[in-house]
Each structure stands twice: as structure tokens, then as C-alpha cells.
Amino acid sequence: MSRLSAIQPAEATGAAAEVFAKIRKAVGKVPNAYATIGTHSPEGLASILGVEAVLAAGSLTKADIEAIKLAVSEVAGCDYCVAAHTLAGKFAGLSPEAMKQIRAGDATGDAKRDALVRFVRALVRTHGTVPQSEVNAVKEAGYTERQIVETALAIASITFTNLVNRVNDTTLDFPAVE
């Protein structure tokens, strides 16, 4: 059960109503996580949505972005984001088996994406400067320096929602993932 209050999106006013209307237009509903964030910081929610727009216009594929978000959410233990990005991953073309393997840190058979997931997991599980070998491996797999920076941006974005959902224990409104 959620720990933080959230207004019903239809009852929102001001900045929250504006951002909720944009979300509803784009995806048909306001997910519980966004309702919570927007209730308390509509500007913060708008900022995260802006980051998502930058990522969508960037050079990473949708499947790569969802792989990043799944890997980070699994490491963080955010059941809400794992559920949300498993559904989004399906729409981005990731198979259910590949998503299980990404979450577990296992090879999927896609060597390039596997290198990206290894890099992401190394980045979020370690402290201090990432070893040069990790940077070299993701570059050797075919990712550009721009994509490495965009990967860090995707990690920053999903980390914010992971943190809010872990504090809130946000009620799932996506299919649960086992």
C-alpha cells in the first residue's frame, strides 16, 4: 500500500493537472508512480518527462533504454519499475526470456546489448571511477561515447523513479513480474 498521498489525476489543478493531461494523452492513463510524483512535485515530474523525451530522441534504441531501466530497477529492487518496464520492454521488442535474462544479468544472446547491460550493472553496483575495462568493453561492443552518456542519463532517470517508488511502496498498476 502506498505510503505517500496522491491526488486522483482527474481532480488535479494547476501544474499537476497540466502534466497529468500530457501523460494521459500520451499513454491513456496516469500511472500511480507519476500520480504520486506529480502530486508532490509537478515540476519534478515534468523534468523527468523532459529527460524521457531527450532519451527518446537520442541515439539509443527503445529496446536498449528498456534494458537499461530493467537492469537498474532489478538491482535497486524496485518492483514497480520492474513491472512497468517489463511491459514497456515488450512494446520495445524485448522477448519475455530476454527481459528475465537482463534482470538476472545473464547473457541474452545479443552480444551488443549484453555488453550494455554488463556496463549498466557495473555502473550501478560499484562506487568510484568505473574501471577502464568496463568502458572499453561497452565501446568495443559498438556503443558510442554519446550512447554511454545517454546510458548515464537513462540510469539517472530510472533511479529517481526507483527511489520514489521504494519510499512510497507504490501500488502496482502494471502486471506484476515474478
N, C-alpha and C. Protein backbone atom coordinates (compact mmCIF):
# COMPACT_ATOMS: atom_id res chain seq x y z
N MET A 1 0.85 -1.19 0.00
CA MET A 1 0.00 0.00 0.00
C MET A 1 0.88 1.24 0.00
N SER A 2 0.52 2.19 -0.81
CA SER A 2 1.30 3.41 -0.95
C SER A 2 1.39 4.16 0.38
N ARG A 3 2.56 4.74 0.62
CA ARG A 3 2.83 5.46 1.87
C ARG A 3 2.66 6.97 1.72
N LEU A 4 2.77 7.47 0.51
CA LEU A 4 2.63 8.90 0.25
C LEU A 4 1.27 9.15 -0.38
N SER A 5 0.71 10.30 -0.11
CA SER A 5 -0.59 10.63 -0.68
C SER A 5 -0.46 10.93 -2.17
N ALA A 6 -1.55 10.73 -2.86
CA ALA A 6 -1.61 11.07 -4.29
C ALA A 6 -3.03 11.49 -4.60
N ILE A 7 -3.16 12.60 -5.30
CA ILE A 7 -4.49 13.03 -5.72
C ILE A 7 -4.93 12.19 -6.90
N GLN A 8 -6.21 12.10 -7.10
CA GLN A 8 -6.73 11.46 -8.30
C GLN A 8 -6.40 12.40 -9.46
N PRO A 9 -5.78 11.91 -10.52
CA PRO A 9 -5.41 12.80 -11.62
C PRO A 9 -6.56 13.66 -12.15
N ALA A 10 -7.77 13.12 -12.17
CA ALA A 10 -8.91 13.88 -12.67
C ALA A 10 -9.25 15.07 -11.76
N GLU A 11 -8.80 15.03 -10.52
CA GLU A 11 -9.09 16.10 -9.55
C GLU A 11 -7.95 17.11 -9.44
N ALA A 12 -6.88 16.92 -10.18
CA ALA A 12 -5.72 17.79 -10.10
C ALA A 12 -6.03 19.17 -10.68
N THR A 13 -5.32 20.14 -10.16
CA THR A 13 -5.42 21.51 -10.67
C THR A 13 -4.02 22.05 -10.94
N GLY A 14 -3.94 23.17 -11.62
CA GLY A 14 -2.67 23.84 -11.83
C GLY A 14 -1.66 23.01 -12.60
N ALA A 15 -0.41 23.11 -12.14
CA ALA A 15 0.70 22.43 -12.82
C ALA A 15 0.52 20.92 -12.85
N ALA A 16 -0.02 20.35 -11.76
CA ALA A 16 -0.24 18.90 -11.74
C ALA A 16 -1.26 18.50 -12.80
N ALA A 17 -2.33 19.26 -12.94
CA ALA A 17 -3.35 18.95 -13.95
C ALA A 17 -2.75 19.00 -15.35
N GLU A 18 -1.89 19.98 -15.58
CA GLU A 18 -1.27 20.12 -16.90
C GLU A 18 -0.39 18.92 -17.24
N VAL A 19 0.47 18.53 -16.31
CA VAL A 19 1.37 17.41 -16.59
C VAL A 19 0.59 16.10 -16.67
N PHE A 20 -0.43 15.93 -15.82
CA PHE A 20 -1.24 14.72 -15.89
C PHE A 20 -1.98 14.63 -17.23
N ALA A 21 -2.46 15.75 -17.75
CA ALA A 21 -3.15 15.75 -19.04
C ALA A 21 -2.21 15.30 -20.16
N LYS A 22 -0.96 15.74 -20.11
CA LYS A 22 0.02 15.33 -21.12
C LYS A 22 0.29 13.83 -21.05
N ILE A 23 0.40 13.32 -19.82
CA ILE A 23 0.66 11.89 -19.65
C ILE A 23 -0.54 11.09 -20.15
N ARG A 24 -1.73 11.50 -19.75
CA ARG A 24 -2.95 10.78 -20.15
C ARG A 24 -3.07 10.77 -21.68
N LYS A 25 -2.75 11.89 -22.32
CA LYS A 25 -2.82 11.96 -23.79
C LYS A 25 -1.81 11.01 -24.42
N ALA A 26 -0.63 10.90 -23.83
CA ALA A 26 0.43 10.07 -24.41
C ALA A 26 0.23 8.59 -24.17
N VAL A 27 -0.22 8.21 -22.97
CA VAL A 27 -0.29 6.78 -22.63
C VAL A 27 -1.67 6.30 -22.21
N GLY A 28 -2.64 7.19 -22.17
CA GLY A 28 -4.01 6.77 -21.88
C GLY A 28 -4.39 6.78 -20.42
N LYS A 29 -3.40 6.88 -19.53
CA LYS A 29 -3.66 6.93 -18.09
C LYS A 29 -2.47 7.58 -17.40
N VAL A 30 -2.67 7.91 -16.14
CA VAL A 30 -1.57 8.42 -15.32
C VAL A 30 -1.17 7.29 -14.37
N PRO A 31 -0.03 6.67 -14.61
CA PRO A 31 0.40 5.59 -13.72
C PRO A 31 0.54 6.07 -12.27
N ASN A 32 0.35 5.16 -11.34
CA ASN A 32 0.40 5.51 -9.92
C ASN A 32 1.69 6.22 -9.53
N ALA A 33 2.81 5.79 -10.06
CA ALA A 33 4.08 6.44 -9.71
C ALA A 33 4.06 7.90 -10.14
N TYR A 34 3.59 8.17 -11.34
CA TYR A 34 3.53 9.54 -11.81
C TYR A 34 2.51 10.36 -11.03
N ALA A 35 1.40 9.73 -10.63
CA ALA A 35 0.41 10.44 -9.82
C ALA A 35 1.02 10.89 -8.50
N THR A 36 1.81 10.01 -7.89
CA THR A 36 2.45 10.36 -6.63
C THR A 36 3.47 11.47 -6.81
N ILE A 37 4.33 11.33 -7.79
CA ILE A 37 5.35 12.35 -8.04
C ILE A 37 4.69 13.68 -8.37
N GLY A 38 3.72 13.66 -9.27
CA GLY A 38 3.06 14.88 -9.70
C GLY A 38 2.25 15.56 -8.60
N THR A 39 1.73 14.79 -7.66
CA THR A 39 1.01 15.37 -6.53
C THR A 39 1.93 16.25 -5.71
N HIS A 40 3.14 15.79 -5.50
CA HIS A 40 4.06 16.48 -4.60
C HIS A 40 5.08 17.36 -5.32
N SER A 41 5.34 17.08 -6.59
CA SER A 41 6.29 17.89 -7.35
C SER A 41 5.96 17.81 -8.83
N PRO A 42 4.92 18.56 -9.27
CA PRO A 42 4.61 18.52 -10.70
C PRO A 42 5.79 18.99 -11.55
N GLU A 43 6.61 19.88 -11.00
CA GLU A 43 7.79 20.34 -11.73
C GLU A 43 8.82 19.21 -11.85
N GLY A 44 8.97 18.44 -10.80
CA GLY A 44 9.87 17.30 -10.85
C GLY A 44 9.41 16.27 -11.87
N LEU A 45 8.10 16.01 -11.88
CA LEU A 45 7.56 15.07 -12.85
C LEU A 45 7.76 15.59 -14.27
N ALA A 46 7.50 16.88 -14.48
CA ALA A 46 7.71 17.46 -15.81
C ALA A 46 9.19 17.34 -16.21
N SER A 47 10.08 17.52 -15.25
CA SER A 47 11.52 17.40 -15.55
C SER A 47 11.88 15.99 -15.98
N ILE A 48 11.37 15.00 -15.27
CA ILE A 48 11.65 13.60 -15.62
C ILE A 48 11.08 13.28 -16.99
N LEU A 49 9.88 13.78 -17.27
CA LEU A 49 9.29 13.55 -18.60
C LEU A 49 10.12 14.23 -19.68
N GLY A 50 10.72 15.36 -19.36
CA GLY A 50 11.63 16.02 -20.29
C GLY A 50 12.86 15.18 -20.57
N VAL A 51 13.40 14.57 -19.53
CA VAL A 51 14.55 13.66 -19.69
C VAL A 51 14.14 12.48 -20.58
N GLU A 52 12.94 11.95 -20.35
CA GLU A 52 12.46 10.83 -21.17
C GLU A 52 12.34 11.24 -22.64
N ALA A 53 11.92 12.46 -22.90
CA ALA A 53 11.83 12.95 -24.28
C ALA A 53 13.22 13.05 -24.91
N VAL A 54 14.19 13.51 -24.13
CA VAL A 54 15.57 13.59 -24.63
C VAL A 54 16.07 12.18 -24.96
N LEU A 55 15.81 11.23 -24.08
CA LEU A 55 16.24 9.85 -24.35
C LEU A 55 15.57 9.29 -25.59
N ALA A 56 14.28 9.54 -25.74
CA ALA A 56 13.54 9.03 -26.90
C ALA A 56 14.09 9.60 -28.21
N ALA A 57 14.58 10.82 -28.16
CA ALA A 57 15.13 11.46 -29.36
C ALA A 57 16.62 11.17 -29.54
N GLY A 58 17.21 10.45 -28.61
CA GLY A 58 18.64 10.18 -28.64
C GLY A 58 19.01 9.02 -29.55
N SER A 59 20.21 8.51 -29.33
CA SER A 59 20.76 7.50 -30.23
C SER A 59 20.61 6.06 -29.74
N LEU A 60 20.14 5.87 -28.51
CA LEU A 60 19.89 4.51 -28.03
C LEU A 60 18.55 4.02 -28.57
N THR A 61 18.46 2.74 -28.83
CA THR A 61 17.18 2.18 -29.27
C THR A 61 16.22 2.10 -28.09
N LYS A 62 14.94 1.99 -28.39
CA LYS A 62 13.94 1.82 -27.32
C LYS A 62 14.23 0.56 -26.52
N ALA A 63 14.63 -0.49 -27.21
CA ALA A 63 14.93 -1.75 -26.51
C ALA A 63 16.14 -1.58 -25.58
N ASP A 64 17.15 -0.83 -26.02
CA ASP A 64 18.31 -0.59 -25.16
C ASP A 64 17.90 0.23 -23.93
N ILE A 65 17.08 1.25 -24.13
CA ILE A 65 16.63 2.07 -23.00
C ILE A 65 15.85 1.21 -22.00
N GLU A 66 14.99 0.35 -22.49
CA GLU A 66 14.23 -0.52 -21.58
C GLU A 66 15.13 -1.55 -20.91
N ALA A 67 16.14 -2.03 -21.61
CA ALA A 67 17.10 -2.95 -20.99
C ALA A 67 17.83 -2.25 -19.85
N ILE A 68 18.23 -1.01 -20.07
CA ILE A 68 18.89 -0.23 -19.01
C ILE A 68 17.96 -0.09 -17.81
N LYS A 69 16.73 0.30 -18.07
CA LYS A 69 15.78 0.54 -16.98
C LYS A 69 15.44 -0.74 -16.23
N LEU A 70 15.35 -1.84 -16.94
CA LEU A 70 15.09 -3.13 -16.27
C LEU A 70 16.28 -3.53 -15.40
N ALA A 71 17.48 -3.40 -15.94
CA ALA A 71 18.67 -3.79 -15.17
C ALA A 71 18.81 -2.94 -13.91
N VAL A 72 18.64 -1.63 -14.03
CA VAL A 72 18.77 -0.75 -12.88
C VAL A 72 17.66 -1.03 -11.86
N SER A 73 16.44 -1.19 -12.33
CA SER A 73 15.31 -1.43 -11.42
C SER A 73 15.45 -2.75 -10.67
N GLU A 74 15.98 -3.75 -11.35
CA GLU A 74 16.21 -5.04 -10.69
C GLU A 74 17.28 -4.90 -9.61
N VAL A 75 18.38 -4.25 -9.93
CA VAL A 75 19.45 -4.06 -8.95
C VAL A 75 18.93 -3.25 -7.76
N ALA A 76 18.10 -2.24 -8.03
CA ALA A 76 17.56 -1.39 -6.96
C ALA A 76 16.47 -2.10 -6.15
N GLY A 77 15.88 -3.14 -6.70
CA GLY A 77 14.80 -3.83 -6.01
C GLY A 77 13.48 -3.09 -6.09
N CYS A 78 13.24 -2.37 -7.20
CA CYS A 78 12.00 -1.61 -7.37
C CYS A 78 11.00 -2.46 -8.16
N ASP A 79 10.09 -3.11 -7.43
CA ASP A 79 9.11 -3.97 -8.10
C ASP A 79 8.20 -3.18 -9.03
N TYR A 80 7.88 -1.94 -8.68
CA TYR A 80 7.02 -1.13 -9.53
C TYR A 80 7.69 -0.88 -10.88
N CYS A 81 8.93 -0.42 -10.87
CA CYS A 81 9.63 -0.12 -12.13
C CYS A 81 9.95 -1.38 -12.92
N VAL A 82 10.22 -2.48 -12.24
CA VAL A 82 10.42 -3.74 -12.96
C VAL A 82 9.15 -4.09 -13.72
N ALA A 83 8.00 -3.96 -13.07
CA ALA A 83 6.72 -4.27 -13.73
C ALA A 83 6.46 -3.31 -14.89
N ALA A 84 6.64 -2.01 -14.64
CA ALA A 84 6.37 -1.01 -15.69
C ALA A 84 7.28 -1.21 -16.89
N HIS A 85 8.55 -1.48 -16.64
CA HIS A 85 9.49 -1.57 -17.76
C HIS A 85 9.54 -2.95 -18.39
N THR A 86 8.96 -3.93 -17.72
CA THR A 86 8.75 -5.22 -18.40
C THR A 86 7.66 -5.05 -19.45
N LEU A 87 6.60 -4.32 -19.10
CA LEU A 87 5.56 -4.04 -20.09
C LEU A 87 6.10 -3.16 -21.21
N ALA A 88 6.83 -2.12 -20.85
CA ALA A 88 7.42 -1.23 -21.87
C ALA A 88 8.44 -1.98 -22.73
N GLY A 89 9.19 -2.88 -22.11
CA GLY A 89 10.16 -3.68 -22.85
C GLY A 89 9.49 -4.55 -23.90
N LYS A 90 8.33 -5.09 -23.55
CA LYS A 90 7.56 -5.90 -24.50
C LYS A 90 7.21 -5.05 -25.73
N PHE A 91 6.73 -3.81 -25.48
CA PHE A 91 6.38 -2.93 -26.59
C PHE A 91 7.61 -2.47 -27.37
N ALA A 92 8.78 -2.50 -26.74
CA ALA A 92 10.03 -2.12 -27.41
C ALA A 92 10.65 -3.28 -28.17
N GLY A 93 10.03 -4.46 -28.08
CA GLY A 93 10.51 -5.61 -28.85
C GLY A 93 11.36 -6.60 -28.08
N LEU A 94 11.49 -6.43 -26.78
CA LEU A 94 12.25 -7.41 -25.99
C LEU A 94 11.37 -8.61 -25.68
N SER A 95 11.91 -9.79 -25.82
CA SER A 95 11.15 -11.00 -25.52
C SER A 95 11.07 -11.20 -24.00
N PRO A 96 10.05 -11.93 -23.54
CA PRO A 96 9.97 -12.21 -22.10
C PRO A 96 11.23 -12.89 -21.57
N GLU A 97 11.80 -13.81 -22.34
CA GLU A 97 13.00 -14.51 -21.92
C GLU A 97 14.19 -13.55 -21.83
N ALA A 98 14.33 -12.69 -22.81
CA ALA A 98 15.43 -11.71 -22.79
C ALA A 98 15.30 -10.79 -21.58
N MET A 99 14.07 -10.38 -21.25
CA MET A 99 13.89 -9.50 -20.10
C MET A 99 14.24 -10.20 -18.79
N LYS A 100 13.92 -11.48 -18.69
CA LYS A 100 14.31 -12.25 -17.49
C LYS A 100 15.84 -12.31 -17.40
N GLN A 101 16.49 -12.54 -18.53
CA GLN A 101 17.94 -12.63 -18.55
C GLN A 101 18.59 -11.27 -18.23
N ILE A 102 18.03 -10.21 -18.75
CA ILE A 102 18.53 -8.86 -18.45
C ILE A 102 18.42 -8.60 -16.95
N ARG A 103 17.28 -8.91 -16.37
CA ARG A 103 17.07 -8.69 -14.94
C ARG A 103 18.06 -9.51 -14.11
N ALA A 104 18.37 -10.69 -14.56
CA ALA A 104 19.28 -11.58 -13.82
C ALA A 104 20.75 -11.26 -14.10
N GLY A 105 21.01 -10.46 -15.13
CA GLY A 105 22.38 -10.19 -15.53
C GLY A 105 22.99 -11.31 -16.34
N ASP A 106 22.14 -12.15 -16.91
CA ASP A 106 22.58 -13.28 -17.73
C ASP A 106 22.63 -12.88 -19.21
N ALA A 107 23.40 -13.61 -19.98
CA ALA A 107 23.51 -13.36 -21.41
C ALA A 107 22.18 -13.66 -22.10
N THR A 108 21.85 -12.80 -23.07
CA THR A 108 20.61 -12.97 -23.83
C THR A 108 20.85 -13.55 -25.21
N GLY A 109 22.11 -13.54 -25.63
CA GLY A 109 22.43 -13.95 -27.00
C GLY A 109 22.63 -12.76 -27.92
N ASP A 110 22.29 -11.57 -27.43
CA ASP A 110 22.54 -10.33 -28.17
C ASP A 110 23.79 -9.72 -27.55
N ALA A 111 24.95 -10.00 -28.15
CA ALA A 111 26.23 -9.63 -27.56
C ALA A 111 26.35 -8.13 -27.29
N LYS A 112 25.85 -7.33 -28.19
CA LYS A 112 25.95 -5.88 -28.01
C LYS A 112 25.13 -5.44 -26.79
N ARG A 113 23.87 -5.85 -26.73
CA ARG A 113 23.02 -5.45 -25.60
C ARG A 113 23.53 -6.07 -24.30
N ASP A 114 24.05 -7.28 -24.37
CA ASP A 114 24.61 -7.90 -23.16
C ASP A 114 25.76 -7.07 -22.60
N ALA A 115 26.58 -6.51 -23.49
CA ALA A 115 27.68 -5.64 -23.04
C ALA A 115 27.13 -4.39 -22.38
N LEU A 116 26.06 -3.85 -22.94
CA LEU A 116 25.43 -2.66 -22.35
C LEU A 116 24.90 -2.98 -20.95
N VAL A 117 24.23 -4.10 -20.81
CA VAL A 117 23.67 -4.48 -19.50
C VAL A 117 24.79 -4.73 -18.49
N ARG A 118 25.88 -5.37 -18.92
CA ARG A 118 27.02 -5.57 -18.01
C ARG A 118 27.58 -4.22 -17.55
N PHE A 119 27.70 -3.29 -18.49
CA PHE A 119 28.19 -1.95 -18.18
C PHE A 119 27.26 -1.25 -17.18
N VAL A 120 25.97 -1.30 -17.44
CA VAL A 120 24.99 -0.66 -16.55
C VAL A 120 25.05 -1.27 -15.16
N ARG A 121 25.08 -2.57 -15.08
CA ARG A 121 25.14 -3.22 -13.77
C ARG A 121 26.43 -2.86 -13.03
N ALA A 122 27.54 -2.78 -13.76
CA ALA A 122 28.80 -2.37 -13.13
C ALA A 122 28.70 -0.94 -12.62
N LEU A 123 28.10 -0.09 -13.41
CA LEU A 123 27.98 1.32 -13.04
C LEU A 123 27.12 1.50 -11.79
N VAL A 124 26.02 0.78 -11.70
CA VAL A 124 25.12 0.98 -10.55
C VAL A 124 25.51 0.17 -9.32
N ARG A 125 26.32 -0.84 -9.49
CA ARG A 125 26.70 -1.67 -8.35
C ARG A 125 28.03 -1.29 -7.70
N THR A 126 28.76 -0.41 -8.35
CA THR A 126 30.08 -0.05 -7.83
C THR A 126 30.11 1.41 -7.40
N HIS A 127 31.17 1.76 -6.71
CA HIS A 127 31.39 3.15 -6.30
C HIS A 127 32.72 3.62 -6.88
N GLY A 128 32.84 4.90 -7.01
CA GLY A 128 34.09 5.44 -7.53
C GLY A 128 34.15 5.34 -9.05
N THR A 129 35.30 5.57 -9.57
CA THR A 129 35.51 5.55 -11.01
C THR A 129 35.31 4.14 -11.55
N VAL A 130 34.54 4.06 -12.63
CA VAL A 130 34.30 2.77 -13.28
C VAL A 130 35.61 2.33 -13.93
N PRO A 131 35.97 1.06 -13.80
CA PRO A 131 37.22 0.60 -14.42
C PRO A 131 37.24 0.85 -15.93
N GLN A 132 38.39 1.20 -16.42
CA GLN A 132 38.57 1.44 -17.86
C GLN A 132 38.12 0.22 -18.67
N SER A 133 38.34 -0.96 -18.14
CA SER A 133 37.95 -2.17 -18.87
C SER A 133 36.44 -2.22 -19.12
N GLU A 134 35.65 -1.70 -18.20
CA GLU A 134 34.19 -1.68 -18.39
C GLU A 134 33.82 -0.71 -19.51
N VAL A 135 34.46 0.45 -19.53
CA VAL A 135 34.20 1.43 -20.58
C VAL A 135 34.66 0.87 -21.92
N ASN A 136 35.84 0.27 -21.94
CA ASN A 136 36.34 -0.32 -23.18
C ASN A 136 35.41 -1.39 -23.72
N ALA A 137 34.89 -2.23 -22.83
CA ALA A 137 34.03 -3.34 -23.26
C ALA A 137 32.75 -2.85 -23.93
N VAL A 138 32.13 -1.83 -23.35
CA VAL A 138 30.89 -1.33 -23.95
C VAL A 138 31.18 -0.61 -25.27
N LYS A 139 32.30 0.07 -25.36
CA LYS A 139 32.68 0.72 -26.61
C LYS A 139 33.02 -0.34 -27.67
N GLU A 140 33.75 -1.38 -27.28
CA GLU A 140 34.12 -2.44 -28.23
C GLU A 140 32.89 -3.19 -28.73
N ALA A 141 31.81 -3.21 -27.93
CA ALA A 141 30.57 -3.86 -28.36
C ALA A 141 29.84 -3.03 -29.41
N GLY A 142 30.24 -1.77 -29.56
CA GLY A 142 29.64 -0.95 -30.60
C GLY A 142 28.89 0.28 -30.12
N TYR A 143 28.95 0.55 -28.83
CA TYR A 143 28.28 1.75 -28.31
C TYR A 143 29.23 2.94 -28.41
N THR A 144 28.67 4.08 -28.79
CA THR A 144 29.45 5.30 -28.94
C THR A 144 29.57 6.02 -27.59
N GLU A 145 30.46 6.99 -27.57
CA GLU A 145 30.59 7.80 -26.36
C GLU A 145 29.30 8.55 -26.07
N ARG A 146 28.62 9.03 -27.10
CA ARG A 146 27.31 9.66 -26.91
C ARG A 146 26.35 8.68 -26.22
N GLN A 147 26.33 7.43 -26.69
CA GLN A 147 25.43 6.44 -26.10
C GLN A 147 25.81 6.11 -24.67
N ILE A 148 27.07 6.18 -24.34
CA ILE A 148 27.49 5.98 -22.95
C ILE A 148 26.94 7.10 -22.08
N VAL A 149 27.00 8.32 -22.56
CA VAL A 149 26.44 9.45 -21.81
C VAL A 149 24.92 9.31 -21.71
N GLU A 150 24.27 8.91 -22.80
CA GLU A 150 22.82 8.71 -22.76
C GLU A 150 22.44 7.56 -21.82
N THR A 151 23.30 6.57 -21.72
CA THR A 151 23.08 5.48 -20.77
C THR A 151 23.09 6.03 -19.34
N ALA A 152 24.04 6.89 -19.04
CA ALA A 152 24.08 7.51 -17.72
C ALA A 152 22.83 8.33 -17.46
N LEU A 153 22.32 9.01 -18.48
CA LEU A 153 21.09 9.79 -18.33
C LEU A 153 19.90 8.86 -18.07
N ALA A 154 19.82 7.76 -18.78
CA ALA A 154 18.73 6.80 -18.56
C ALA A 154 18.81 6.23 -17.14
N ILE A 155 20.02 5.97 -16.66
CA ILE A 155 20.20 5.48 -15.30
C ILE A 155 19.73 6.53 -14.30
N ALA A 156 20.08 7.78 -14.53
CA ALA A 156 19.65 8.85 -13.62
C ALA A 156 18.14 8.96 -13.58
N SER A 157 17.49 8.88 -14.72
CA SER A 157 16.04 8.98 -14.79
C SER A 157 15.36 7.84 -14.04
N ILE A 158 15.76 6.62 -14.31
CA ILE A 158 15.11 5.47 -13.67
C ILE A 158 15.46 5.41 -12.19
N THR A 159 16.62 5.88 -11.82
CA THR A 159 16.99 5.89 -10.40
C THR A 159 16.05 6.79 -9.61
N PHE A 160 15.67 7.92 -10.17
CA PHE A 160 14.72 8.81 -9.49
C PHE A 160 13.40 8.09 -9.23
N THR A 161 12.83 7.48 -10.27
CA THR A 161 11.54 6.81 -10.05
C THR A 161 11.70 5.58 -9.16
N ASN A 162 12.82 4.88 -9.27
CA ASN A 162 13.09 3.76 -8.36
C ASN A 162 13.04 4.24 -6.91
N LEU A 163 13.71 5.34 -6.65
CA LEU A 163 13.79 5.87 -5.28
C LEU A 163 12.42 6.26 -4.76
N VAL A 164 11.66 6.99 -5.56
CA VAL A 164 10.31 7.40 -5.12
C VAL A 164 9.45 6.17 -4.86
N ASN A 165 9.49 5.21 -5.75
CA ASN A 165 8.66 4.01 -5.57
C ASN A 165 9.10 3.16 -4.39
N ARG A 166 10.39 3.12 -4.10
CA ARG A 166 10.86 2.37 -2.95
C ARG A 166 10.44 3.05 -1.65
N VAL A 167 10.45 4.38 -1.61
CA VAL A 167 9.97 5.10 -0.43
C VAL A 167 8.46 4.90 -0.30
N ASN A 168 7.76 5.04 -1.40
CA ASN A 168 6.30 5.03 -1.40
C ASN A 168 5.70 3.63 -1.32
N ASP A 169 6.43 2.61 -1.74
CA ASP A 169 5.86 1.28 -1.91
C ASP A 169 4.63 1.39 -2.82
N THR A 170 4.82 2.03 -3.95
CA THR A 170 3.75 2.37 -4.88
C THR A 170 2.95 1.13 -5.28
N THR A 171 1.64 1.27 -5.21
CA THR A 171 0.73 0.19 -5.60
C THR A 171 0.88 -0.08 -7.09
N LEU A 172 1.11 -1.34 -7.43
CA LEU A 172 1.28 -1.71 -8.83
C LEU A 172 0.00 -1.46 -9.63
N ASP A 173 0.14 -0.84 -10.76
CA ASP A 173 -0.96 -0.73 -11.72
C ASP A 173 -0.50 -1.25 -13.09
N PHE A 174 0.51 -2.10 -13.04
CA PHE A 174 1.02 -2.84 -14.19
C PHE A 174 1.04 -4.31 -13.77
N PRO A 175 1.05 -5.24 -14.73
CA PRO A 175 1.12 -6.65 -14.34
C PRO A 175 2.38 -6.94 -13.52
N ALA A 176 2.22 -7.62 -12.41
CA ALA A 176 3.35 -7.97 -11.55
C ALA A 176 4.27 -8.93 -12.31
N VAL A 177 5.55 -8.86 -11.99
CA VAL A 177 6.56 -9.71 -12.61
C VAL A 177 7.13 -10.62 -11.56
N GLU A 178 7.23 -11.89 -11.91
CA GLU A 178 7.77 -12.87 -10.96
C GLU A 178 9.25 -13.01 -11.15
